[in-house]
PDB file of N, CA and C in Angstrom:
ATOM      1  N   MET A   1      90.723  89.551  99.173  1.00  0.00           N
ATOM      2  CA  MET A   1      90.865  90.063  98.273  1.00  0.00           C
ATOM      3  C   MET A   1      89.651  90.784  98.182  1.00  0.00           C
ATOM      4  N   ASN A   2      89.773  92.202  97.641  1.00  0.00           N
ATOM      5  CA  ASN A   2      88.550  93.160  97.658  1.00  0.00           C
ATOM      6  C   ASN A   2      88.190  92.691  96.101  1.00  0.00           C
ATOM      7  N   GLN A   3      86.604  93.049  96.424  1.00  0.00           N
ATOM      8  CA  GLN A   3      85.922  92.605  95.268  1.00  0.00           C
ATOM      9  C   GLN A   3      85.486  93.834  94.576  1.00  0.00           C
ATOM     10  N   PRO A   4      85.749  94.096  93.158  1.00  0.00           N
ATOM     11  CA  PRO A   4      84.959  95.417  92.587  1.00  0.00           C
ATOM     12  C   PRO A   4      83.603  95.798  92.814  1.00  0.00           C
ATOM     13  N   CYS A   5      83.568  96.921  93.287  1.00  0.00           N
ATOM     14  CA  CYS A   5      81.877  97.717  93.451  1.00  0.00           C
ATOM     15  C   CYS A   5      81.442  98.451  92.178  1.00  0.00           C
ATOM     16  N   LEU A   6      80.767  97.951  91.935  1.00  0.00           N
ATOM     17  CA  LEU A   6      79.664  98.449  90.515  1.00  0.00           C
ATOM     18  C   LEU A   6      77.645  98.826  91.374  1.00  0.00           C
ATOM     19  N   ARG A   7      77.972 100.039  91.184  1.00  0.00           N
ATOM     20  CA  ARG A   7      76.489 100.659  91.335  1.00  0.00           C
ATOM     21  C   ARG A   7      75.591 101.083  90.131  1.00  0.00           C
ATOM     22  N   ILE A   8      74.910 100.600  90.154  1.00  0.00           N
ATOM     23  CA  ILE A   8      73.672 101.022  88.654  1.00  0.00           C
ATOM     24  C   ILE A   8      72.456 101.775  89.172  1.00  0.00           C
ATOM     25  N   GLY A   9      71.882 102.799  88.369  1.00  0.00           N
ATOM     26  CA  GLY A   9      70.997 103.632  89.117  1.00  0.00           C
ATOM     27  C   GLY A   9      69.879 103.379  88.121  1.00  0.00           C
ATOM     28  N   ALA A  10      68.607 104.350  88.772  1.00  0.00           N
ATOM     29  CA  ALA A  10      67.499 103.659  88.189  1.00  0.00           C
ATOM     30  C   ALA A  10      67.429 103.315  86.860  1.00  0.00           C
ATOM     31  N   ASP A  11      67.904 104.498  86.257  1.00  0.00           N
ATOM     32  CA  ASP A  11      68.005 104.077  84.767  1.00  0.00           C
ATOM     33  C   ASP A  11      68.471 102.683  84.217  1.00  0.00           C
ATOM     34  N   GLY A  12      69.080 102.536  85.096  1.00  0.00           N
ATOM     35  CA  GLY A  12      70.175 101.276  84.511  1.00  0.00           C
ATOM     36  C   GLY A  12      71.552 101.174  83.884  1.00  0.00           C
ATOM     37  N   LYS A  13      71.552 102.801  84.148  1.00  0.00           N
ATOM     38  CA  LYS A  13      72.949 102.409  83.860  1.00  0.00           C
ATOM     39  C   LYS A  13      74.028 102.311  84.726  1.00  0.00           C
ATOM     40  N   ILE A  14      75.407 102.635  84.423  1.00  0.00           N
ATOM     41  CA  ILE A  14      76.425 102.536  85.940  1.00  0.00           C
ATOM     42  C   ILE A  14      76.511 103.994  86.237  1.00  0.00           C
ATOM     43  N   VAL A  15      76.438 104.178  87.591  1.00  0.00           N
ATOM     44  CA  VAL A  15      76.772 105.342  87.969  1.00  0.00           C
ATOM     45  C   VAL A  15      77.996 105.260  88.851  1.00  0.00           C
ATOM     46  N   GLU A  16      78.941 104.273  89.200  1.00  0.00           N
ATOM     47  CA  GLU A  16      79.923 104.331  90.257  1.00  0.00           C
ATOM     48  C   GLU A  16      80.992 102.898  89.653  1.00  0.00           C
ATOM     49  N   HIS A  17      81.775 103.083  89.824  1.00  0.00           N
ATOM     50  CA  HIS A  17      82.725 101.663  89.237  1.00  0.00           C
ATOM     51  C   HIS A  17      83.817 101.865  90.080  1.00  0.00           C
ATOM     52  N   ARG A  18      84.412 101.112  90.670  1.00  0.00           N
ATOM     53  CA  ARG A  18      85.458 100.816  91.136  1.00  0.00           C
ATOM     54  C   ARG A  18      86.182  99.351  91.226  1.00  0.00           C
ATOM     55  N   ASP A  19      86.980  99.304  90.531  1.00  0.00           N
ATOM     56  CA  ASP A  19      87.871  98.151  90.313  1.00  0.00           C
ATOM     57  C   ASP A  19      89.359  98.514  91.256  1.00  0.00           C
ATOM     58  N   TYR A  20      89.498  97.193  91.877  1.00  0.00           N
ATOM     59  CA  TYR A  20      90.609  97.391  92.902  1.00  0.00           C
ATOM     60  C   TYR A  20      91.741  96.808  92.550  1.00  0.00           C
ATOM     61  N   PHE A  21      92.202  96.160  91.602  1.00  0.00           N
ATOM     62  CA  PHE A  21      93.149  95.376  91.295  1.00  0.00           C
ATOM     63  C   PHE A  21      93.798  96.368  90.689  1.00  0.00           C
ATOM     64  N   ASP A  22      95.541  96.433  91.462  1.00  0.00           N
ATOM     65  CA  ASP A  22      96.340  97.541  91.404  1.00  0.00           C
ATOM     66  C   ASP A  22      97.604  97.124  90.924  1.00  0.00           C
ATOM     67  N   PHE A  23      97.986  97.184  89.753  1.00  0.00           N
ATOM     68  CA  PHE A  23      99.316  96.486  89.037  1.00  0.00           C
ATOM     69  C   PHE A  23     100.588  96.802  89.300  1.00  0.00           C
ATOM     70  N   VAL A  24     100.395  98.415  88.889  1.00  0.00           N
ATOM     71  CA  VAL A  24     101.269  99.532  88.862  1.00  0.00           C
ATOM     72  C   VAL A  24     101.768  99.533  90.319  1.00  0.00           C
ATOM     73  N   GLY A  25     101.254  99.658  91.100  1.00  0.00           N
ATOM     74  CA  GLY A  25     101.407 100.016  92.720  1.00  0.00           C
ATOM     75  C   GLY A  25     102.539  99.362  93.457  1.00  0.00           C
ATOM     76  N   PRO A  26     102.394  98.030  93.425  1.00  0.00           N
ATOM     77  CA  PRO A  26     102.819  97.172  93.731  1.00  0.00           C
ATOM     78  C   PRO A  26     104.485  96.878  92.710  1.00  0.00           C
ATOM     79  N   THR A  27     104.149  96.873  91.592  1.00  0.00           N
ATOM     80  CA  THR A  27     105.365  96.648  90.922  1.00  0.00           C
ATOM     81  C   THR A  27     106.306  97.669  90.557  1.00  0.00           C
ATOM     82  N   PHE A  28     106.274  98.696  90.602  1.00  0.00           N
ATOM     83  CA  PHE A  28     107.066  99.882  90.430  1.00  0.00           C
ATOM     84  C   PHE A  28     107.145 100.797  91.670  1.00  0.00           C
ATOM     85  N   GLU A  29     106.515 100.823  92.820  1.00  0.00           N
ATOM     86  CA  GLU A  29     106.251 101.635  93.642  1.00  0.00           C
ATOM     87  C   GLU A  29     107.686 101.331  94.304  1.00  0.00           C
ATOM     88  N   PRO A  30     108.622 100.152  94.826  1.00  0.00           N
ATOM     89  CA  PRO A  30     109.450  99.723  95.538  1.00  0.00           C
ATOM     90  C   PRO A  30     110.756 100.536  94.476  1.00  0.00           C
ATOM     91  N   VAL A  31     110.877 100.516  93.361  1.00  0.00           N
ATOM     92  CA  VAL A  31     112.073 101.445  92.493  1.00  0.00           C
ATOM     93  C   VAL A  31     111.896 102.736  93.041  1.00  0.00           C
ATOM     94  N   PRO A  32     113.351 102.950  93.562  1.00  0.00           N
ATOM     95  CA  PRO A  32     113.236 104.638  93.441  1.00  0.00           C
ATOM     96  C   PRO A  32     113.125 105.658  93.112  1.00  0.00           C
ATOM     97  N   VAL A  33     113.250 105.652  91.863  1.00  0.00           N
ATOM     98  CA  VAL A  33     112.959 106.350  91.077  1.00  0.00           C
ATOM     99  C   VAL A  33     111.300 107.112  90.485  1.00  0.00           C
ATOM    100  N   VAL A  34     111.348 105.411  89.669  1.00  0.00           N
ATOM    101  CA  VAL A  34     109.450 105.369  89.552  1.00  0.00           C
ATOM    102  C   VAL A  34     108.447 105.312  90.466  1.00  0.00           C
ATOM    103  N   GLY A  35     109.245 104.781  91.281  1.00  0.00           N
ATOM    104  CA  GLY A  35     108.507 105.005  93.000  1.00  0.00           C
ATOM    105  C   GLY A  35     107.879 106.277  92.890  1.00  0.00           C
ATOM    106  N   GLY A  36     108.469 107.444  93.081  1.00  0.00           N
ATOM    107  CA  GLY A  36     107.930 108.677  93.783  1.00  0.00           C
ATOM    108  C   GLY A  36     107.137 109.443  93.017  1.00  0.00           C
ATOM    109  N   PHE A  37     107.524 108.718  91.695  1.00  0.00           N
ATOM    110  CA  PHE A  37     106.204 109.051  90.283  1.00  0.00           C
ATOM    111  C   PHE A  37     105.024 108.784  90.562  1.00  0.00           C
ATOM    112  N   VAL A  38     105.310 107.321  90.565  1.00  0.00           N
ATOM    113  CA  VAL A  38     103.953 106.728  90.983  1.00  0.00           C
ATOM    114  C   VAL A  38     103.288 107.235  92.174  1.00  0.00           C
ATOM    115  N   ARG A  39     103.839 107.210  93.142  1.00  0.00           N
ATOM    116  CA  ARG A  39     102.902 107.985  94.279  1.00  0.00           C
ATOM    117  C   ARG A  39     102.103 109.148  94.427  1.00  0.00           C
ATOM    118  N   TRP A  40     103.450 110.082  93.375  1.00  0.00           N
ATOM    119  CA  TRP A  40     102.950 111.619  93.330  1.00  0.00           C
ATOM    120  C   TRP A  40     101.285 111.020  92.560  1.00  0.00           C
ATOM    121  N   LEU A  41     101.495 110.546  91.132  1.00  0.00           N
ATOM    122  CA  LEU A  41     100.381 110.334  90.561  1.00  0.00           C
ATOM    123  C   LEU A  41      98.810 110.058  90.878  1.00  0.00           C
ATOM    124  N   TYR A  42      99.145 108.763  92.319  1.00  0.00           N
ATOM    125  CA  TYR A  42      97.935 108.257  92.643  1.00  0.00           C
ATOM    126  C   TYR A  42      97.464 109.208  93.507  1.00  0.00           C
ATOM    127  N   ARG A  43      98.406 110.295  94.109  1.00  0.00           N
ATOM    128  CA  ARG A  43      97.880 111.468  94.989  1.00  0.00           C
ATOM    129  C   ARG A  43      97.632 112.279  93.895  1.00  0.00           C
ATOM    130  N   LEU A  44      97.654 112.672  92.821  1.00  0.00           N
ATOM    131  CA  LEU A  44      97.383 113.686  92.220  1.00  0.00           C
ATOM    132  C   LEU A  44      95.894 113.579  91.178  1.00  0.00           C
ATOM    133  N   PHE A  45      95.555 112.168  91.069  1.00  0.00           N
ATOM    134  CA  PHE A  45      94.318 111.187  90.378  1.00  0.00           C
ATOM    135  C   PHE A  45      93.651 110.385  91.189  1.00  0.00           C
ATOM    136  N   VAL A  46      94.051 109.806  92.481  1.00  0.00           N
ATOM    137  CA  VAL A  46      93.195 109.108  93.561  1.00  0.00           C
ATOM    138  C   VAL A  46      92.849 109.748  94.655  1.00  0.00           C
ATOM    139  N   SER A  47      91.529 109.621  94.832  1.00  0.00           N
ATOM    140  CA  SER A  47      90.859 110.731  95.653  1.00  0.00           C
ATOM    141  C   SER A  47      91.109 109.416  97.029  1.00  0.00           C
TER     142      SER A  47
END
C-alpha cells in the first residue's frame, strides 16, 4: 500500500502533498457510463 507523500519547505509550510487513497476510481470505473466519465475527469485533473 502506498504511503502519503508530504514535503515541508524551509519555512515550515507544506509545499507538496500527495494522497494515494482512491475511492472513486475502483468503485465507479467498472460502471459502463460512469466509468468513462471518471476516466475523463482523471485525465483532466490528474497529471
